[in-house]
mmCIF file of all heavy atoms, coordinates in Angstrom:
data_MODEL
# 
_entry.id   MODEL 
# 
loop_
_atom_site.group_PDB 
_atom_site.id 
_atom_site.type_symbol 
_atom_site.label_atom_id 
_atom_site.label_alt_id 
_atom_site.label_comp_id 
_atom_site.label_asym_id 
_atom_site.label_entity_id 
_atom_site.label_seq_id 
_atom_site.pdbx_PDB_ins_code 
_atom_site.Cartn_x 
_atom_site.Cartn_y 
_atom_site.Cartn_z 
_atom_site.occupancy 
_atom_site.B_iso_or_equiv 
_atom_site.pdbx_formal_charge 
_atom_site.auth_seq_id 
_atom_site.auth_comp_id 
_atom_site.auth_asym_id 
_atom_site.auth_atom_id 
_atom_site.pdbx_PDB_model_num 
ATOM 1   N N   . GLY A 1 1  ? 11.714 125.486 68.125 1.00 0.00 ? 1  GLY A N   1 
ATOM 2   C CA  . GLY A 1 1  ? 12.531 124.313 67.847 1.00 0.00 ? 1  GLY A CA  1 
ATOM 3   C C   . GLY A 1 1  ? 13.920 124.693 67.364 1.00 0.00 ? 1  GLY A C   1 
ATOM 4   O O   . GLY A 1 1  ? 14.395 125.816 67.569 1.00 0.00 ? 1  GLY A O   1 
ATOM 5   N N   . THR A 1 2  ? 14.575 123.752 66.693 1.00 0.00 ? 2  THR A N   1 
ATOM 6   C CA  . THR A 1 2  ? 15.917 123.954 66.146 1.00 0.00 ? 2  THR A CA  1 
ATOM 7   C C   . THR A 1 2  ? 15.839 124.090 64.639 1.00 0.00 ? 2  THR A C   1 
ATOM 8   O O   . THR A 1 2  ? 15.144 123.314 63.979 1.00 0.00 ? 2  THR A O   1 
ATOM 9   C CB  . THR A 1 2  ? 16.836 122.771 66.503 1.00 0.00 ? 2  THR A CB  1 
ATOM 10  O OG1 . THR A 1 2  ? 16.927 122.660 67.930 1.00 0.00 ? 2  THR A OG1 1 
ATOM 11  C CG2 . THR A 1 2  ? 18.235 122.968 65.931 1.00 0.00 ? 2  THR A CG2 1 
ATOM 12  N N   . TYR A 1 3  ? 16.537 125.072 64.104 1.00 0.00 ? 3  TYR A N   1 
ATOM 13  C CA  . TYR A 1 3  ? 16.523 125.335 62.670 1.00 0.00 ? 3  TYR A CA  1 
ATOM 14  C C   . TYR A 1 3  ? 17.948 125.336 62.136 1.00 0.00 ? 3  TYR A C   1 
ATOM 15  O O   . TYR A 1 3  ? 18.884 125.724 62.834 1.00 0.00 ? 3  TYR A O   1 
ATOM 16  C CB  . TYR A 1 3  ? 15.888 126.702 62.373 1.00 0.00 ? 3  TYR A CB  1 
ATOM 17  C CG  . TYR A 1 3  ? 14.457 126.835 62.780 1.00 0.00 ? 3  TYR A CG  1 
ATOM 18  C CD1 . TYR A 1 3  ? 14.110 127.103 64.098 1.00 0.00 ? 3  TYR A CD1 1 
ATOM 19  C CD2 . TYR A 1 3  ? 13.436 126.717 61.847 1.00 0.00 ? 3  TYR A CD2 1 
ATOM 20  C CE1 . TYR A 1 3  ? 12.790 127.235 64.486 1.00 0.00 ? 3  TYR A CE1 1 
ATOM 21  C CE2 . TYR A 1 3  ? 12.116 126.852 62.211 1.00 0.00 ? 3  TYR A CE2 1 
ATOM 22  C CZ  . TYR A 1 3  ? 11.794 127.111 63.540 1.00 0.00 ? 3  TYR A CZ  1 
ATOM 23  O OH  . TYR A 1 3  ? 10.481 127.234 63.918 1.00 0.00 ? 3  TYR A OH  1 
ATOM 24  N N   . ARG A 1 4  ? 18.090 124.915 60.877 1.00 0.00 ? 4  ARG A N   1 
ATOM 25  C CA  . ARG A 1 4  ? 19.382 124.969 60.206 1.00 0.00 ? 4  ARG A CA  1 
ATOM 26  C C   . ARG A 1 4  ? 19.180 125.621 58.847 1.00 0.00 ? 4  ARG A C   1 
ATOM 27  O O   . ARG A 1 4  ? 18.379 125.148 58.039 1.00 0.00 ? 4  ARG A O   1 
ATOM 28  C CB  . ARG A 1 4  ? 19.979 123.567 60.058 1.00 0.00 ? 4  ARG A CB  1 
ATOM 29  C CG  . ARG A 1 4  ? 20.257 122.898 61.382 1.00 0.00 ? 4  ARG A CG  1 
ATOM 30  C CD  . ARG A 1 4  ? 20.697 121.454 61.232 1.00 0.00 ? 4  ARG A CD  1 
ATOM 31  N NE  . ARG A 1 4  ? 22.038 121.352 60.700 1.00 0.00 ? 4  ARG A NE  1 
ATOM 32  C CZ  . ARG A 1 4  ? 22.335 120.891 59.492 1.00 0.00 ? 4  ARG A CZ  1 
ATOM 33  N NH1 . ARG A 1 4  ? 21.375 120.520 58.659 1.00 0.00 ? 4  ARG A NH1 1 
ATOM 34  N NH2 . ARG A 1 4  ? 23.582 120.808 59.090 1.00 0.00 ? 4  ARG A NH2 1 
ATOM 35  N N   . PHE A 1 5  ? 19.903 126.719 58.594 1.00 0.00 ? 5  PHE A N   1 
ATOM 36  C CA  . PHE A 1 5  ? 19.733 127.482 57.360 1.00 0.00 ? 5  PHE A CA  1 
ATOM 37  C C   . PHE A 1 5  ? 21.017 127.467 56.542 1.00 0.00 ? 5  PHE A C   1 
ATOM 38  O O   . PHE A 1 5  ? 22.098 127.737 57.078 1.00 0.00 ? 5  PHE A O   1 
ATOM 39  C CB  . PHE A 1 5  ? 19.381 128.938 57.665 1.00 0.00 ? 5  PHE A CB  1 
ATOM 40  C CG  . PHE A 1 5  ? 18.075 129.132 58.355 1.00 0.00 ? 5  PHE A CG  1 
ATOM 41  C CD1 . PHE A 1 5  ? 18.000 129.128 59.737 1.00 0.00 ? 5  PHE A CD1 1 
ATOM 42  C CD2 . PHE A 1 5  ? 16.906 129.316 57.629 1.00 0.00 ? 5  PHE A CD2 1 
ATOM 43  C CE1 . PHE A 1 5  ? 16.793 129.307 60.386 1.00 0.00 ? 5  PHE A CE1 1 
ATOM 44  C CE2 . PHE A 1 5  ? 15.703 129.498 58.260 1.00 0.00 ? 5  PHE A CE2 1 
ATOM 45  C CZ  . PHE A 1 5  ? 15.636 129.492 59.645 1.00 0.00 ? 5  PHE A CZ  1 
ATOM 46  N N   . PRO A 1 6  ? 20.934 127.195 55.247 1.00 0.00 ? 6  PRO A N   1 
ATOM 47  C CA  . PRO A 1 6  ? 22.108 127.394 54.387 1.00 0.00 ? 6  PRO A CA  1 
ATOM 48  C C   . PRO A 1 6  ? 22.509 128.865 54.409 1.00 0.00 ? 6  PRO A C   1 
ATOM 49  O O   . PRO A 1 6  ? 21.638 129.754 54.350 1.00 0.00 ? 6  PRO A O   1 
ATOM 50  C CB  . PRO A 1 6  ? 21.603 126.978 52.999 1.00 0.00 ? 6  PRO A CB  1 
ATOM 51  C CG  . PRO A 1 6  ? 20.414 126.113 53.255 1.00 0.00 ? 6  PRO A CG  1 
ATOM 52  C CD  . PRO A 1 6  ? 19.783 126.655 54.510 1.00 0.00 ? 6  PRO A CD  1 
ATOM 53  N N   . LEU A 1 7  ? 23.791 129.152 54.514 1.00 0.00 ? 7  LEU A N   1 
ATOM 54  C CA  . LEU A 1 7  ? 24.231 130.546 54.550 1.00 0.00 ? 7  LEU A CA  1 
ATOM 55  C C   . LEU A 1 7  ? 23.771 131.317 53.321 1.00 0.00 ? 7  LEU A C   1 
ATOM 56  O O   . LEU A 1 7  ? 23.461 132.502 53.398 1.00 0.00 ? 7  LEU A O   1 
ATOM 57  C CB  . LEU A 1 7  ? 25.756 130.608 54.662 1.00 0.00 ? 7  LEU A CB  1 
ATOM 58  C CG  . LEU A 1 7  ? 26.387 130.010 55.924 1.00 0.00 ? 7  LEU A CG  1 
ATOM 59  C CD1 . LEU A 1 7  ? 27.892 130.269 55.928 1.00 0.00 ? 7  LEU A CD1 1 
ATOM 60  C CD2 . LEU A 1 7  ? 25.742 130.546 57.189 1.00 0.00 ? 7  LEU A CD2 1 
ATOM 61  N N   . LYS A 1 8  ? 23.709 130.645 52.186 1.00 0.00 ? 8  LYS A N   1 
ATOM 62  C CA  . LYS A 1 8  ? 23.325 131.310 50.949 1.00 0.00 ? 8  LYS A CA  1 
ATOM 63  C C   . LYS A 1 8  ? 21.873 131.776 50.957 1.00 0.00 ? 8  LYS A C   1 
ATOM 64  O O   . LYS A 1 8  ? 21.492 132.619 50.133 1.00 0.00 ? 8  LYS A O   1 
ATOM 65  C CB  . LYS A 1 8  ? 23.554 130.384 49.754 1.00 0.00 ? 8  LYS A CB  1 
ATOM 66  C CG  . LYS A 1 8  ? 22.730 129.116 49.767 1.00 0.00 ? 8  LYS A CG  1 
ATOM 67  C CD  . LYS A 1 8  ? 23.065 128.223 48.592 1.00 0.00 ? 8  LYS A CD  1 
ATOM 68  C CE  . LYS A 1 8  ? 22.292 126.908 48.632 1.00 0.00 ? 8  LYS A CE  1 
ATOM 69  N NZ  . LYS A 1 8  ? 20.829 127.089 48.628 1.00 0.00 ? 8  LYS A NZ  1 
ATOM 70  N N   . ASP A 1 9  ? 21.048 131.267 51.875 1.00 0.00 ? 9  ASP A N   1 
ATOM 71  C CA  . ASP A 1 9  ? 19.643 131.665 51.940 1.00 0.00 ? 9  ASP A CA  1 
ATOM 72  C C   . ASP A 1 9  ? 19.388 132.786 52.937 1.00 0.00 ? 9  ASP A C   1 
ATOM 73  O O   . ASP A 1 9  ? 18.276 133.310 53.021 1.00 0.00 ? 9  ASP A O   1 
ATOM 74  C CB  . ASP A 1 9  ? 18.768 130.465 52.325 1.00 0.00 ? 9  ASP A CB  1 
ATOM 75  C CG  . ASP A 1 9  ? 18.690 129.422 51.220 1.00 0.00 ? 9  ASP A CG  1 
ATOM 76  O OD1 . ASP A 1 9  ? 19.067 129.744 50.082 1.00 0.00 ? 9  ASP A OD1 1 
ATOM 77  O OD2 . ASP A 1 9  ? 18.248 128.294 51.500 1.00 0.00 ? 9  ASP A OD2 1 
ATOM 78  N N   . ILE A 1 10 ? 20.397 133.152 53.718 1.00 0.00 ? 10 ILE A N   1 
ATOM 79  C CA  . ILE A 1 10 ? 20.228 134.193 54.739 1.00 0.00 ? 10 ILE A CA  1 
ATOM 80  C C   . ILE A 1 10 ? 20.478 135.564 54.117 1.00 0.00 ? 10 ILE A C   1 
ATOM 81  O O   . ILE A 1 10 ? 21.484 135.777 53.436 1.00 0.00 ? 10 ILE A O   1 
ATOM 82  C CB  . ILE A 1 10 ? 21.196 133.969 55.918 1.00 0.00 ? 10 ILE A CB  1 
ATOM 83  C CG1 . ILE A 1 10 ? 20.954 132.604 56.544 1.00 0.00 ? 10 ILE A CG1 1 
ATOM 84  C CG2 . ILE A 1 10 ? 21.039 135.076 56.963 1.00 0.00 ? 10 ILE A CG2 1 
ATOM 85  C CD1 . ILE A 1 10 ? 21.996 132.208 57.575 1.00 0.00 ? 10 ILE A CD1 1 
ATOM 86  N N   . LEU A 1 11 ? 19.564 136.509 54.338 1.00 0.00 ? 11 LEU A N   1 
ATOM 87  C CA  . LEU A 1 11 ? 19.718 137.872 53.827 1.00 0.00 ? 11 LEU A CA  1 
ATOM 88  C C   . LEU A 1 11 ? 20.522 138.728 54.793 1.00 0.00 ? 11 LEU A C   1 
ATOM 89  O O   . LEU A 1 11 ? 21.524 139.319 54.420 1.00 0.00 ? 11 LEU A O   1 
ATOM 90  C CB  . LEU A 1 11 ? 18.346 138.495 53.579 1.00 0.00 ? 11 LEU A CB  1 
ATOM 91  C CG  . LEU A 1 11 ? 17.433 137.765 52.583 1.00 0.00 ? 11 LEU A CG  1 
ATOM 92  C CD1 . LEU A 1 11 ? 16.089 138.471 52.486 1.00 0.00 ? 11 LEU A CD1 1 
ATOM 93  C CD2 . LEU A 1 11 ? 18.093 137.681 51.213 1.00 0.00 ? 11 LEU A CD2 1 
ATOM 94  N N   . TRP A 1 12 ? 20.054 138.802 56.025 1.00 0.00 ? 12 TRP A N   1 
ATOM 95  C CA  . TRP A 1 12 ? 20.779 139.564 57.046 1.00 0.00 ? 12 TRP A CA  1 
ATOM 96  C C   . TRP A 1 12 ? 20.301 139.139 58.433 1.00 0.00 ? 12 TRP A C   1 
ATOM 97  O O   . TRP A 1 12 ? 19.318 138.411 58.591 1.00 0.00 ? 12 TRP A O   1 
ATOM 98  C CB  . TRP A 1 12 ? 20.605 141.074 56.857 1.00 0.00 ? 12 TRP A CB  1 
ATOM 99  C CG  . TRP A 1 12 ? 19.222 141.632 57.100 1.00 0.00 ? 12 TRP A CG  1 
ATOM 100 C CD1 . TRP A 1 12 ? 18.674 141.989 58.305 1.00 0.00 ? 12 TRP A CD1 1 
ATOM 101 C CD2 . TRP A 1 12 ? 18.219 141.913 56.115 1.00 0.00 ? 12 TRP A CD2 1 
ATOM 102 N NE1 . TRP A 1 12 ? 17.396 142.475 58.134 1.00 0.00 ? 12 TRP A NE1 1 
ATOM 103 C CE2 . TRP A 1 12 ? 17.099 142.439 56.797 1.00 0.00 ? 12 TRP A CE2 1 
ATOM 104 C CE3 . TRP A 1 12 ? 18.162 141.774 54.734 1.00 0.00 ? 12 TRP A CE3 1 
ATOM 105 C CZ2 . TRP A 1 12 ? 15.922 142.824 56.139 1.00 0.00 ? 12 TRP A CZ2 1 
ATOM 106 C CZ3 . TRP A 1 12 ? 17.001 142.148 54.081 1.00 0.00 ? 12 TRP A CZ3 1 
ATOM 107 C CH2 . TRP A 1 12 ? 15.898 142.662 54.772 1.00 0.00 ? 12 TRP A CH2 1 
ATOM 108 N N   . PHE A 1 13 ? 21.014 139.616 59.455 1.00 0.00 ? 13 PHE A N   1 
ATOM 109 C CA  . PHE A 1 13 ? 20.627 139.472 60.851 1.00 0.00 ? 13 PHE A CA  1 
ATOM 110 C C   . PHE A 1 13 ? 20.439 140.875 61.420 1.00 0.00 ? 13 PHE A C   1 
ATOM 111 O O   . PHE A 1 13 ? 21.131 141.814 61.015 1.00 0.00 ? 13 PHE A O   1 
ATOM 112 C CB  . PHE A 1 13 ? 21.719 138.780 61.672 1.00 0.00 ? 13 PHE A CB  1 
ATOM 113 C CG  . PHE A 1 13 ? 22.003 137.357 61.296 1.00 0.00 ? 13 PHE A CG  1 
ATOM 114 C CD1 . PHE A 1 13 ? 22.858 137.063 60.245 1.00 0.00 ? 13 PHE A CD1 1 
ATOM 115 C CD2 . PHE A 1 13 ? 21.443 136.302 62.018 1.00 0.00 ? 13 PHE A CD2 1 
ATOM 116 C CE1 . PHE A 1 13 ? 23.152 135.748 59.908 1.00 0.00 ? 13 PHE A CE1 1 
ATOM 117 C CE2 . PHE A 1 13 ? 21.731 134.989 61.686 1.00 0.00 ? 13 PHE A CE2 1 
ATOM 118 C CZ  . PHE A 1 13 ? 22.576 134.709 60.638 1.00 0.00 ? 13 PHE A CZ  1 
ATOM 119 N N   . TYR A 1 14 ? 19.521 141.014 62.359 1.00 0.00 ? 14 TYR A N   1 
ATOM 120 C CA  . TYR A 1 14 ? 19.458 142.281 63.089 1.00 0.00 ? 14 TYR A CA  1 
ATOM 121 C C   . TYR A 1 14 ? 19.154 141.997 64.558 1.00 0.00 ? 14 TYR A C   1 
ATOM 122 O O   . TYR A 1 14 ? 18.565 140.972 64.909 1.00 0.00 ? 14 TYR A O   1 
ATOM 123 C CB  . TYR A 1 14 ? 18.428 143.242 62.487 1.00 0.00 ? 14 TYR A CB  1 
ATOM 124 C CG  . TYR A 1 14 ? 16.972 142.873 62.630 1.00 0.00 ? 14 TYR A CG  1 
ATOM 125 C CD1 . TYR A 1 14 ? 16.219 143.299 63.733 1.00 0.00 ? 14 TYR A CD1 1 
ATOM 126 C CD2 . TYR A 1 14 ? 16.334 142.127 61.640 1.00 0.00 ? 14 TYR A CD2 1 
ATOM 127 C CE1 . TYR A 1 14 ? 14.872 142.986 63.842 1.00 0.00 ? 14 TYR A CE1 1 
ATOM 128 C CE2 . TYR A 1 14 ? 14.983 141.814 61.741 1.00 0.00 ? 14 TYR A CE2 1 
ATOM 129 C CZ  . TYR A 1 14 ? 14.257 142.247 62.843 1.00 0.00 ? 14 TYR A CZ  1 
ATOM 130 O OH  . TYR A 1 14 ? 12.914 141.926 62.948 1.00 0.00 ? 14 TYR A OH  1 
ATOM 131 N N   . SER A 1 15 ? 19.620 142.878 65.400 1.00 0.00 ? 15 SER A N   1 
ATOM 132 C CA  . SER A 1 15 ? 19.425 142.714 66.834 1.00 0.00 ? 15 SER A CA  1 
ATOM 133 C C   . SER A 1 15 ? 18.203 143.489 67.300 1.00 0.00 ? 15 SER A C   1 
ATOM 134 O O   . SER A 1 15 ? 17.885 144.560 66.778 1.00 0.00 ? 15 SER A O   1 
ATOM 135 C CB  . SER A 1 15 ? 20.669 143.178 67.603 1.00 0.00 ? 15 SER A CB  1 
ATOM 136 O OG  . SER A 1 15 ? 20.904 144.564 67.367 1.00 0.00 ? 15 SER A OG  1 
ATOM 137 N N   . ASP A 1 16 ? 17.527 142.918 68.285 1.00 0.00 ? 16 ASP A N   1 
ATOM 138 C CA  . ASP A 1 16 ? 16.340 143.545 68.868 1.00 0.00 ? 16 ASP A CA  1 
ATOM 139 C C   . ASP A 1 16 ? 16.342 143.231 70.360 1.00 0.00 ? 16 ASP A C   1 
ATOM 140 O O   . ASP A 1 16 ? 15.950 142.146 70.771 1.00 0.00 ? 16 ASP A O   1 
ATOM 141 C CB  . ASP A 1 16 ? 15.079 142.994 68.198 1.00 0.00 ? 16 ASP A CB  1 
ATOM 142 C CG  . ASP A 1 16 ? 13.802 143.590 68.786 1.00 0.00 ? 16 ASP A CG  1 
ATOM 143 O OD1 . ASP A 1 16 ? 13.897 144.648 69.437 1.00 0.00 ? 16 ASP A OD1 1 
ATOM 144 O OD2 . ASP A 1 16 ? 12.730 142.985 68.599 1.00 0.00 ? 16 ASP A OD2 1 
ATOM 145 N N   . ARG A 1 17 ? 16.855 144.178 71.138 1.00 0.00 ? 17 ARG A N   1 
ATOM 146 C CA  . ARG A 1 17 ? 17.016 143.997 72.571 1.00 0.00 ? 17 ARG A CA  1 
ATOM 147 C C   . ARG A 1 17 ? 17.943 142.805 72.838 1.00 0.00 ? 17 ARG A C   1 
ATOM 148 O O   . ARG A 1 17 ? 19.086 142.828 72.440 1.00 0.00 ? 17 ARG A O   1 
ATOM 149 C CB  . ARG A 1 17 ? 15.652 143.841 73.247 1.00 0.00 ? 17 ARG A CB  1 
ATOM 150 C CG  . ARG A 1 17 ? 14.748 145.062 73.038 1.00 0.00 ? 17 ARG A CG  1 
ATOM 151 C CD  . ARG A 1 17 ? 13.395 144.876 73.681 1.00 0.00 ? 17 ARG A CD  1 
ATOM 152 N NE  . ARG A 1 17 ? 12.558 146.047 73.474 1.00 0.00 ? 17 ARG A NE  1 
ATOM 153 C CZ  . ARG A 1 17 ? 11.780 146.216 72.414 1.00 0.00 ? 17 ARG A CZ  1 
ATOM 154 N NH1 . ARG A 1 17 ? 11.717 145.289 71.464 1.00 0.00 ? 17 ARG A NH1 1 
ATOM 155 N NH2 . ARG A 1 17 ? 11.055 147.321 72.280 1.00 0.00 ? 17 ARG A NH2 1 
ATOM 156 N N   . ARG A 1 18 ? 17.442 141.756 73.492 1.00 0.00 ? 18 ARG A N   1 
ATOM 157 C CA  . ARG A 1 18 ? 18.305 140.616 73.803 1.00 0.00 ? 18 ARG A CA  1 
ATOM 158 C C   . ARG A 1 18 ? 18.247 139.533 72.737 1.00 0.00 ? 18 ARG A C   1 
ATOM 159 O O   . ARG A 1 18 ? 18.859 138.475 72.895 1.00 0.00 ? 18 ARG A O   1 
ATOM 160 C CB  . ARG A 1 18 ? 17.904 140.012 75.154 1.00 0.00 ? 18 ARG A CB  1 
ATOM 161 C CG  . ARG A 1 18 ? 18.172 140.930 76.343 1.00 0.00 ? 18 ARG A CG  1 
ATOM 162 C CD  . ARG A 1 18 ? 17.891 140.207 77.645 1.00 0.00 ? 18 ARG A CD  1 
ATOM 163 N NE  . ARG A 1 18 ? 16.499 139.770 77.713 1.00 0.00 ? 18 ARG A NE  1 
ATOM 164 C CZ  . ARG A 1 18 ? 16.082 138.693 78.357 1.00 0.00 ? 18 ARG A CZ  1 
ATOM 165 N NH1 . ARG A 1 18 ? 16.955 137.903 78.958 1.00 0.00 ? 18 ARG A NH1 1 
ATOM 166 N NH2 . ARG A 1 18 ? 14.796 138.380 78.393 1.00 0.00 ? 18 ARG A NH2 1 
ATOM 167 N N   . ARG A 1 19 ? 17.547 139.794 71.663 1.00 0.00 ? 19 ARG A N   1 
ATOM 168 C CA  . ARG A 1 19 ? 17.387 138.785 70.621 1.00 0.00 ? 19 ARG A CA  1 
ATOM 169 C C   . ARG A 1 19 ? 18.116 139.184 69.343 1.00 0.00 ? 19 ARG A C   1 
ATOM 170 O O   . ARG A 1 19 ? 18.379 140.359 69.100 1.00 0.00 ? 19 ARG A O   1 
ATOM 171 C CB  . ARG A 1 19 ? 15.909 138.569 70.288 1.00 0.00 ? 19 ARG A CB  1 
ATOM 172 C CG  . ARG A 1 19 ? 15.050 138.147 71.461 1.00 0.00 ? 19 ARG A CG  1 
ATOM 173 C CD  . ARG A 1 19 ? 13.641 137.881 70.980 1.00 0.00 ? 19 ARG A CD  1 
ATOM 174 N NE  . ARG A 1 19 ? 13.111 139.009 70.237 1.00 0.00 ? 19 ARG A NE  1 
ATOM 175 C CZ  . ARG A 1 19 ? 12.017 138.964 69.477 1.00 0.00 ? 19 ARG A CZ  1 
ATOM 176 N NH1 . ARG A 1 19 ? 11.359 137.835 69.347 1.00 0.00 ? 19 ARG A NH1 1 
ATOM 177 N NH2 . ARG A 1 19 ? 11.585 140.042 68.847 1.00 0.00 ? 19 ARG A NH2 1 
ATOM 178 N N   . VAL A 1 20 ? 18.411 138.166 68.533 1.00 0.00 ? 20 VAL A N   1 
ATOM 179 C CA  . VAL A 1 20 ? 18.894 138.366 67.169 1.00 0.00 ? 20 VAL A CA  1 
ATOM 180 C C   . VAL A 1 20 ? 17.849 137.741 66.247 1.00 0.00 ? 20 VAL A C   1 
ATOM 181 O O   . VAL A 1 20 ? 17.306 136.676 66.550 1.00 0.00 ? 20 VAL A O   1 
ATOM 182 C CB  . VAL A 1 20 ? 20.265 137.706 66.945 1.00 0.00 ? 20 VAL A CB  1 
ATOM 183 C CG1 . VAL A 1 20 ? 20.674 137.778 65.478 1.00 0.00 ? 20 VAL A CG1 1 
ATOM 184 C CG2 . VAL A 1 20 ? 21.318 138.370 67.820 1.00 0.00 ? 20 VAL A CG2 1 
ATOM 185 N N   . ILE A 1 21 ? 17.556 138.407 65.152 1.00 0.00 ? 21 ILE A N   1 
ATOM 186 C CA  . ILE A 1 21 ? 16.572 137.900 64.199 1.00 0.00 ? 21 ILE A CA  1 
ATOM 187 C C   . ILE A 1 21 ? 17.270 137.593 62.883 1.00 0.00 ? 21 ILE A C   1 
ATOM 188 O O   . ILE A 1 21 ? 17.956 138.451 62.314 1.00 0.00 ? 21 ILE A O   1 
ATOM 189 C CB  . ILE A 1 21 ? 15.419 138.897 63.966 1.00 0.00 ? 21 ILE A CB  1 
ATOM 190 C CG1 . ILE A 1 21 ? 14.578 139.052 65.238 1.00 0.00 ? 21 ILE A CG1 1 
ATOM 191 C CG2 . ILE A 1 21 ? 14.517 138.405 62.826 1.00 0.00 ? 21 ILE A CG2 1 
ATOM 192 C CD1 . ILE A 1 21 ? 15.097 139.992 66.257 1.00 0.00 ? 21 ILE A CD1 1 
ATOM 193 N N   . LEU A 1 22 ? 17.140 136.352 62.436 1.00 0.00 ? 22 LEU A N   1 
ATOM 194 C CA  . LEU A 1 22 ? 17.666 135.917 61.144 1.00 0.00 ? 22 LEU A CA  1 
ATOM 195 C C   . LEU A 1 22 ? 16.587 136.161 60.095 1.00 0.00 ? 22 LEU A C   1 
ATOM 196 O O   . LEU A 1 22 ? 15.423 135.782 60.283 1.00 0.00 ? 22 LEU A O   1 
ATOM 197 C CB  . LEU A 1 22 ? 18.045 134.440 61.221 1.00 0.00 ? 22 LEU A CB  1 
ATOM 198 C CG  . LEU A 1 22 ? 18.618 133.760 59.979 1.00 0.00 ? 22 LEU A CG  1 
ATOM 199 C CD1 . LEU A 1 22 ? 19.529 132.593 60.404 1.00 0.00 ? 22 LEU A CD1 1 
ATOM 200 C CD2 . LEU A 1 22 ? 17.529 133.233 59.053 1.00 0.00 ? 22 LEU A CD2 1 
ATOM 201 N N   . VAL A 1 23 ? 16.962 136.772 58.981 1.00 0.00 ? 23 VAL A N   1 
ATOM 202 C CA  . VAL A 1 23 ? 15.994 137.137 57.938 1.00 0.00 ? 23 VAL A CA  1 
ATOM 203 C C   . VAL A 1 23 ? 16.292 136.370 56.651 1.00 0.00 ? 23 VAL A C   1 
ATOM 204 O O   . VAL A 1 23 ? 17.438 136.364 56.171 1.00 0.00 ? 23 VAL A O   1 
ATOM 205 C CB  . VAL A 1 23 ? 16.042 138.649 57.649 1.00 0.00 ? 23 VAL A CB  1 
ATOM 206 C CG1 . VAL A 1 23 ? 15.018 139.026 56.573 1.00 0.00 ? 23 VAL A CG1 1 
ATOM 207 C CG2 . VAL A 1 23 ? 15.783 139.448 58.926 1.00 0.00 ? 23 VAL A CG2 1 
ATOM 208 N N   . THR A 1 24 ? 15.269 135.709 56.114 1.00 0.00 ? 24 THR A N   1 
ATOM 209 C CA  . THR A 1 24 ? 15.345 135.070 54.801 1.00 0.00 ? 24 THR A CA  1 
ATOM 210 C C   . THR A 1 24 ? 14.197 135.593 53.951 1.00 0.00 ? 24 THR A C   1 
ATOM 211 O O   . THR A 1 24 ? 13.354 136.359 54.433 1.00 0.00 ? 24 THR A O   1 
ATOM 212 C CB  . THR A 1 24 ? 15.229 133.534 54.902 1.00 0.00 ? 24 THR A CB  1 
ATOM 213 O OG1 . THR A 1 24 ? 13.869 133.181 55.212 1.00 0.00 ? 24 THR A OG1 1 
ATOM 214 C CG2 . THR A 1 24 ? 16.158 132.982 55.963 1.00 0.00 ? 24 THR A CG2 1 
ATOM 215 N N   . GLU A 1 25 ? 14.143 135.177 52.710 1.00 0.00 ? 25 GLU A N   1 
ATOM 216 C CA  . GLU A 1 25 ? 13.044 135.595 51.847 1.00 0.00 ? 25 GLU A CA  1 
ATOM 217 C C   . GLU A 1 25 ? 11.707 135.046 52.332 1.00 0.00 ? 25 GLU A C   1 
ATOM 218 O O   . GLU A 1 25 ? 10.654 135.599 52.012 1.00 0.00 ? 25 GLU A O   1 
ATOM 219 C CB  . GLU A 1 25 ? 13.305 135.141 50.409 1.00 0.00 ? 25 GLU A CB  1 
ATOM 220 C CG  . GLU A 1 25 ? 14.469 135.863 49.739 1.00 0.00 ? 25 GLU A CG  1 
ATOM 221 C CD  . GLU A 1 25 ? 14.686 135.405 48.315 1.00 0.00 ? 25 GLU A CD  1 
ATOM 222 O OE1 . GLU A 1 25 ? 13.998 134.437 47.900 1.00 0.00 ? 25 GLU A OE1 1 
ATOM 223 O OE2 . GLU A 1 25 ? 15.524 135.993 47.609 1.00 0.00 ? 25 GLU A OE2 1 
ATOM 224 N N   . LYS A 1 26 ? 11.741 133.977 53.097 1.00 0.00 ? 26 LYS A N   1 
ATOM 225 C CA  . LYS A 1 26 ? 10.508 133.328 53.544 1.00 0.00 ? 26 LYS A CA  1 
ATOM 226 C C   . LYS A 1 26 ? 10.031 133.779 54.914 1.00 0.00 ? 26 LYS A C   1 
ATOM 227 O O   . LYS A 1 26 ? 8.913  133.470 55.314 1.00 0.00 ? 26 LYS A O   1 
ATOM 228 C CB  . LYS A 1 26 ? 10.691 131.809 53.537 1.00 0.00 ? 26 LYS A CB  1 
ATOM 229 C CG  . LYS A 1 26 ? 10.891 131.235 52.140 1.00 0.00 ? 26 LYS A CG  1 
ATOM 230 C CD  . LYS A 1 26 ? 11.011 129.737 52.182 1.00 0.00 ? 26 LYS A CD  1 
ATOM 231 C CE  . LYS A 1 26 ? 11.166 129.165 50.779 1.00 0.00 ? 26 LYS A CE  1 
ATOM 232 N NZ  . LYS A 1 26 ? 11.299 127.690 50.791 1.00 0.00 ? 26 LYS A NZ  1 
# 
């Protein structure tokens, strides 16, 4: 689906092949 994250809750992003993964504490 579609997600919306406050910037303050995002730890980092990392790339994995053709994807990007958004990382939070949850």
